[in-house]
Amino acid sequence: MVGFSYELAKENLPVPYEKAPGQSVELTSEAVDFLRGIFRLFDSNKDGALQDYEFDELFSTAPERCKKDRLKILVMGKGGVGKSSTVNSIIGERAVAVSAFQSEALRPSMVSRERSGFTLNIIDTPGIVEGGYINDQALDIIKRFLLNKMIDVLLYVDRLDAYRADTLDRQIVKAISDSFGKETWRMAIVVLTHAQLSPPDCLTFDEFLAKRSESLLKVVYYGVRFKKEDIQVYLFSLGLNARNSNALL
């Protein structure tokens, strides 16, 4: 079992009934789904096999992901949506350079902060869209950077004032799912930036936020082919101040 030593004594594994010769025992579909989920959870590099360090973590008596002393967050999205500003808002300082007149960094960067024995690691990534198309090179660079790194949370960042979701949004969700596994969306938080807008069509801010978030979350549900009740994607909105890149409360 996960979280316990695999040196199990036979007396701790009672068989509820005797099996006649020629008979076989099969797992229920629920049990198979559970084991597949555990496998995907610990297959951190998504290569379809458990490496030695992944296997050790699976059967360790205190798995790293169960400890509350560290958190690793991956920030992804299109270019220019406020990913780096979101990182700065979480850290509470200008940890990542942000400029409206400067291109995004071509490689991911990890910002780490430690306090009272807790370590927070946030990975800022380049935009995964270039010229209106998915940037496969950026995705490959991010995948290589994440090799042997286990992610706890995915922050998917987009703009609140984009108004509607379109085909490109569906392609982005599919690209992230294909590159990192659709199970990644089970640990996702959608962050909508540029929330200091004036809503159109005489809508209140809450009404506009609900409509925008509903359209984007529909793209996520459809893209990963999960039912709405099968996945819980959390959503936050941030108003970013262009001068100091801090969230407006």
Protein backbone atom coordinates (compact mmCIF):
# COMPACT_ATOMS: atom_id res chain seq x y z
CA MET A 1 0.00 0.00 0.00
CA VAL A 2 1.14 3.54 -0.68
CA GLY A 3 2.82 5.12 2.32
CA PHE A 4 3.89 1.88 3.95
CA SER A 5 6.87 -0.43 3.63
CA TYR A 6 6.51 -3.09 0.94
CA GLU A 7 8.01 -5.69 3.27
CA LEU A 8 4.57 -7.04 4.22
CA ALA A 9 4.12 -10.21 6.22
CA LYS A 10 1.73 -12.85 4.87
CA GLU A 11 -0.34 -12.75 8.05
CA ASN A 12 -1.15 -9.14 7.26
CA LEU A 13 -2.62 -10.11 3.90
CA PRO A 14 -5.50 -12.50 4.67
CA VAL A 15 -7.25 -14.15 1.73
CA PRO A 16 -11.04 -14.01 2.23
CA TYR A 17 -11.73 -17.26 0.43
CA GLU A 18 -9.99 -20.28 -1.06
CA LYS A 19 -9.36 -20.44 -4.80
CA ALA A 20 -10.01 -23.72 -6.56
CA PRO A 21 -7.50 -25.04 -9.12
CA GLY A 22 -8.02 -23.38 -12.49
CA GLN A 23 -9.71 -20.35 -11.01
CA SER A 24 -8.31 -16.85 -11.18
CA VAL A 25 -8.83 -13.70 -9.18
CA GLU A 26 -9.45 -10.43 -10.99
CA LEU A 27 -9.52 -6.86 -9.73
CA THR A 28 -12.69 -4.85 -10.12
CA SER A 29 -12.69 -1.98 -12.62
CA GLU A 30 -12.72 0.43 -9.66
CA ALA A 31 -9.58 -1.19 -8.22
CA VAL A 32 -7.85 -1.06 -11.61
CA ASP A 33 -8.71 2.63 -11.99
CA PHE A 34 -7.38 3.28 -8.49
CA LEU A 35 -4.05 1.58 -9.21
CA ARG A 36 -3.74 3.36 -12.56
CA GLY A 37 -4.33 6.65 -10.78
CA ILE A 38 -1.60 5.87 -8.24
CA PHE A 39 0.76 4.92 -11.06
CA ARG A 40 0.11 8.19 -12.92
CA LEU A 41 0.50 10.13 -9.70
CA PHE A 42 4.04 8.87 -9.13
CA ASP A 43 5.08 8.75 -12.80
CA SER A 44 6.44 12.27 -12.49
CA ASN A 45 8.16 12.40 -15.90
CA LYS A 46 5.14 10.85 -17.67
CA ASP A 47 7.20 8.25 -19.52
CA GLY A 48 4.80 5.39 -18.79
CA ALA A 49 7.25 3.63 -16.45
CA LEU A 50 8.39 4.07 -12.87
CA GLN A 51 12.06 4.94 -12.57
CA ASP A 52 14.01 3.84 -9.49
CA TYR A 53 13.51 7.15 -7.66
CA GLU A 54 9.77 7.11 -8.50
CA PHE A 55 9.46 3.51 -7.31
CA ASP A 56 11.27 4.34 -4.08
CA GLU A 57 8.95 7.27 -3.46
CA LEU A 58 5.88 5.13 -4.15
CA PHE A 59 6.84 2.61 -1.46
CA SER A 60 8.58 4.92 0.98
CA THR A 61 7.18 5.08 4.50
CA ALA A 62 6.90 8.87 4.22
CA PRO A 63 6.41 9.90 0.56
CA GLU A 64 7.78 13.31 -0.30
CA ARG A 65 4.42 14.51 -1.61
CA CYS A 66 2.81 13.71 1.76
CA LYS A 67 5.18 15.98 3.64
CA LYS A 68 4.02 19.51 4.31
CA ASP A 69 7.44 21.12 4.14
CA ARG A 70 7.54 22.03 0.45
CA LEU A 71 5.33 22.96 -2.50
CA LYS A 72 6.28 23.12 -6.16
CA ILE A 73 4.10 25.22 -8.50
CA LEU A 74 4.28 25.25 -12.30
CA VAL A 75 3.02 28.43 -14.01
CA MET A 76 1.94 28.09 -17.64
CA GLY A 77 -0.06 29.99 -20.25
CA LYS A 78 0.18 32.18 -23.32
CA GLY A 79 2.75 34.93 -23.56
CA GLY A 80 1.86 38.34 -22.16
CA VAL A 81 -0.95 37.15 -19.90
CA GLY A 82 0.84 37.95 -16.63
CA LYS A 83 2.57 34.70 -15.67
CA SER A 84 5.70 36.40 -14.32
CA SER A 85 3.63 39.07 -12.56
CA THR A 86 1.61 36.29 -10.93
CA VAL A 87 4.84 34.72 -9.67
CA ASN A 88 5.90 38.07 -8.22
CA SER A 89 2.49 38.47 -6.57
CA ILE A 90 2.77 35.08 -4.88
CA ILE A 91 6.35 35.68 -3.73
CA GLY A 92 5.56 39.23 -2.64
CA GLU A 93 8.59 40.75 -4.35
CA ARG A 94 10.00 41.39 -7.81
CA ALA A 95 11.60 37.96 -8.14
CA VAL A 96 11.09 37.76 -11.93
CA ALA A 97 11.77 40.61 -14.35
CA VAL A 98 8.61 42.00 -15.96
CA SER A 99 8.50 44.57 -18.75
CA ALA A 100 5.83 45.49 -21.29
CA PHE A 101 8.59 46.25 -23.81
CA GLN A 102 10.68 43.12 -23.28
CA SER A 103 10.23 39.65 -24.71
CA GLU A 104 9.63 36.74 -22.38
CA ALA A 105 12.52 34.59 -21.23
CA LEU A 106 13.13 31.66 -23.54
CA ARG A 107 13.71 29.19 -20.72
CA PRO A 108 11.87 28.34 -17.51
CA SER A 109 13.20 29.70 -14.24
CA MET A 110 12.50 28.53 -10.70
CA VAL A 111 12.10 30.91 -7.80
CA SER A 112 12.56 29.38 -4.34
CA ARG A 113 11.78 30.86 -0.96
CA GLU A 114 12.07 29.17 2.45
CA ARG A 115 10.51 30.21 5.74
CA SER A 116 9.97 28.34 9.00
CA GLY A 117 11.09 25.06 7.45
CA PHE A 118 8.69 25.34 4.49
CA THR A 119 10.05 25.67 0.94
CA LEU A 120 8.04 27.22 -1.89
CA ASN A 121 9.27 26.60 -5.44
CA ILE A 122 7.55 28.40 -8.33
CA ILE A 123 8.53 27.66 -11.92
CA ASP A 124 7.91 30.49 -14.39
CA THR A 125 7.76 29.34 -18.01
CA PRO A 126 7.87 30.95 -21.48
CA GLY A 127 4.60 31.41 -23.34
CA ILE A 128 3.47 28.30 -25.16
CA VAL A 129 1.91 30.23 -28.05
CA GLU A 130 3.90 31.87 -30.84
CA GLY A 131 2.26 33.72 -33.72
CA GLY A 132 -1.15 32.30 -32.92
CA TYR A 133 0.08 28.69 -32.89
CA ILE A 134 1.24 26.25 -30.23
CA ASN A 135 4.99 26.61 -29.68
CA ASP A 136 6.17 22.99 -29.58
CA GLN A 137 9.75 24.13 -28.93
CA ALA A 138 8.66 25.94 -25.75
CA LEU A 139 6.77 22.84 -24.60
CA ASP A 140 9.86 20.66 -25.19
CA ILE A 141 12.04 23.09 -23.23
CA ILE A 142 9.59 23.04 -20.32
CA LYS A 143 9.43 19.22 -20.39
CA ARG A 144 13.22 18.95 -20.24
CA PHE A 145 13.36 21.46 -17.39
CA LEU A 146 10.80 19.42 -15.43
CA LEU A 147 12.68 16.14 -15.87
CA ASN A 148 12.87 14.41 -12.46
CA LYS A 149 10.85 17.24 -10.90
CA MET A 150 7.48 16.50 -9.30
CA ILE A 151 4.83 19.22 -9.63
CA ASP A 152 2.22 19.77 -6.92
CA VAL A 153 0.15 22.54 -8.51
CA LEU A 154 -0.40 23.82 -12.05
CA LEU A 155 -1.27 27.50 -12.32
CA TYR A 156 -2.80 28.08 -15.74
CA VAL A 157 -2.80 31.82 -16.37
CA ASP A 158 -4.97 33.74 -18.83
CA ARG A 159 -6.44 37.22 -19.10
CA LEU A 160 -9.85 38.02 -17.74
CA ASP A 161 -10.32 40.70 -20.40
CA ALA A 162 -9.88 38.19 -23.26
CA TYR A 163 -13.70 37.98 -23.16
CA ARG A 164 -14.12 34.61 -24.87
CA ALA A 165 -12.47 31.23 -25.30
CA ASP A 166 -11.67 30.10 -28.83
CA THR A 167 -10.01 27.34 -30.83
CA LEU A 168 -6.54 28.37 -29.66
CA ASP A 169 -7.58 27.86 -26.04
CA ARG A 170 -8.72 24.33 -26.88
CA GLN A 171 -5.39 23.67 -28.61
CA ILE A 172 -3.49 24.90 -25.54
CA VAL A 173 -5.40 22.60 -23.19
CA LYS A 174 -4.79 19.67 -25.53
CA ALA A 175 -1.08 20.51 -25.87
CA ILE A 176 -0.59 20.63 -22.09
CA SER A 177 -2.52 17.37 -21.70
CA ASP A 178 -0.50 15.63 -24.42
CA SER A 179 2.82 16.89 -23.05
CA PHE A 180 2.31 16.44 -19.30
CA GLY A 181 -0.68 14.09 -19.04
CA LYS A 182 -4.32 15.07 -18.65
CA GLU A 183 -4.10 14.16 -14.94
CA THR A 184 -2.13 17.41 -14.59
CA TRP A 185 -5.44 19.26 -14.74
CA ARG A 186 -6.55 17.53 -11.54
CA MET A 187 -4.04 19.73 -9.70
CA ALA A 188 -4.83 22.88 -11.69
CA ILE A 189 -5.77 26.37 -10.58
CA VAL A 190 -6.90 28.79 -13.31
CA VAL A 191 -5.71 32.34 -12.68
CA LEU A 192 -7.34 35.22 -14.59
CA THR A 193 -5.21 38.39 -14.65
CA HIS A 194 -5.92 41.99 -15.69
CA ALA A 195 -8.99 41.93 -13.49
CA GLN A 196 -9.05 45.71 -13.06
CA LEU A 197 -11.24 46.03 -16.18
CA SER A 198 -14.66 47.63 -16.59
CA PRO A 199 -17.05 44.84 -17.65
CA PRO A 200 -18.92 45.34 -20.95
CA ASP A 201 -22.65 45.13 -21.68
CA CYS A 202 -23.63 46.66 -18.33
CA LEU A 203 -22.54 43.50 -16.50
CA THR A 204 -21.36 43.60 -12.93
CA PHE A 205 -17.82 42.40 -12.28
CA ASP A 206 -19.08 39.19 -10.67
CA GLU A 207 -21.39 38.47 -13.63
CA PHE A 208 -18.60 39.03 -16.13
CA LEU A 209 -16.16 36.92 -14.11
CA ALA A 210 -18.68 34.09 -13.97
CA LYS A 211 -19.27 34.16 -17.74
CA ARG A 212 -15.57 34.38 -18.61
CA SER A 213 -14.56 31.64 -16.18
CA GLU A 214 -17.41 29.36 -17.30
CA SER A 215 -16.35 29.62 -20.95
CA LEU A 216 -12.70 28.89 -20.12
CA LEU A 217 -13.45 26.02 -17.75
CA LYS A 218 -15.68 24.43 -20.41
CA VAL A 219 -12.62 24.37 -22.68
CA VAL A 220 -10.62 22.60 -19.95
CA TYR A 221 -13.34 20.01 -19.27
CA TYR A 222 -13.79 19.33 -22.98
CA GLY A 223 -10.07 19.30 -23.74
CA VAL A 224 -9.20 16.70 -21.11
CA ARG A 225 -12.44 14.77 -21.73
CA PHE A 226 -13.39 14.78 -18.08
CA LYS A 227 -16.90 15.22 -16.82
CA LYS A 228 -17.40 18.34 -14.74
CA GLU A 229 -17.95 16.26 -11.64
CA ASP A 230 -14.72 14.29 -12.28
CA ILE A 231 -12.37 17.25 -11.94
CA GLN A 232 -12.29 20.28 -9.69
CA VAL A 233 -10.44 23.21 -11.27
CA TYR A 234 -10.10 26.21 -8.96
CA LEU A 235 -10.16 29.76 -10.27
CA PHE A 236 -8.80 33.08 -9.01
CA SER A 237 -8.79 36.55 -10.52
CA LEU A 238 -5.95 39.05 -10.11
CA GLY A 239 -5.76 42.72 -10.95
CA LEU A 240 -2.13 43.42 -11.79
CA ASN A 241 -0.62 46.84 -11.35
CA ALA A 242 1.75 47.48 -14.25
CA ARG A 243 4.03 49.61 -12.07
CA ASN A 244 4.83 47.16 -9.32
CA SER A 245 3.41 43.84 -10.60
CA ASN A 246 1.63 43.26 -7.32
CA ALA A 247 -1.90 41.95 -7.07
CA LEU A 248 -4.57 44.53 -6.40
CA LEU A 249 -6.62 43.44 -3.41
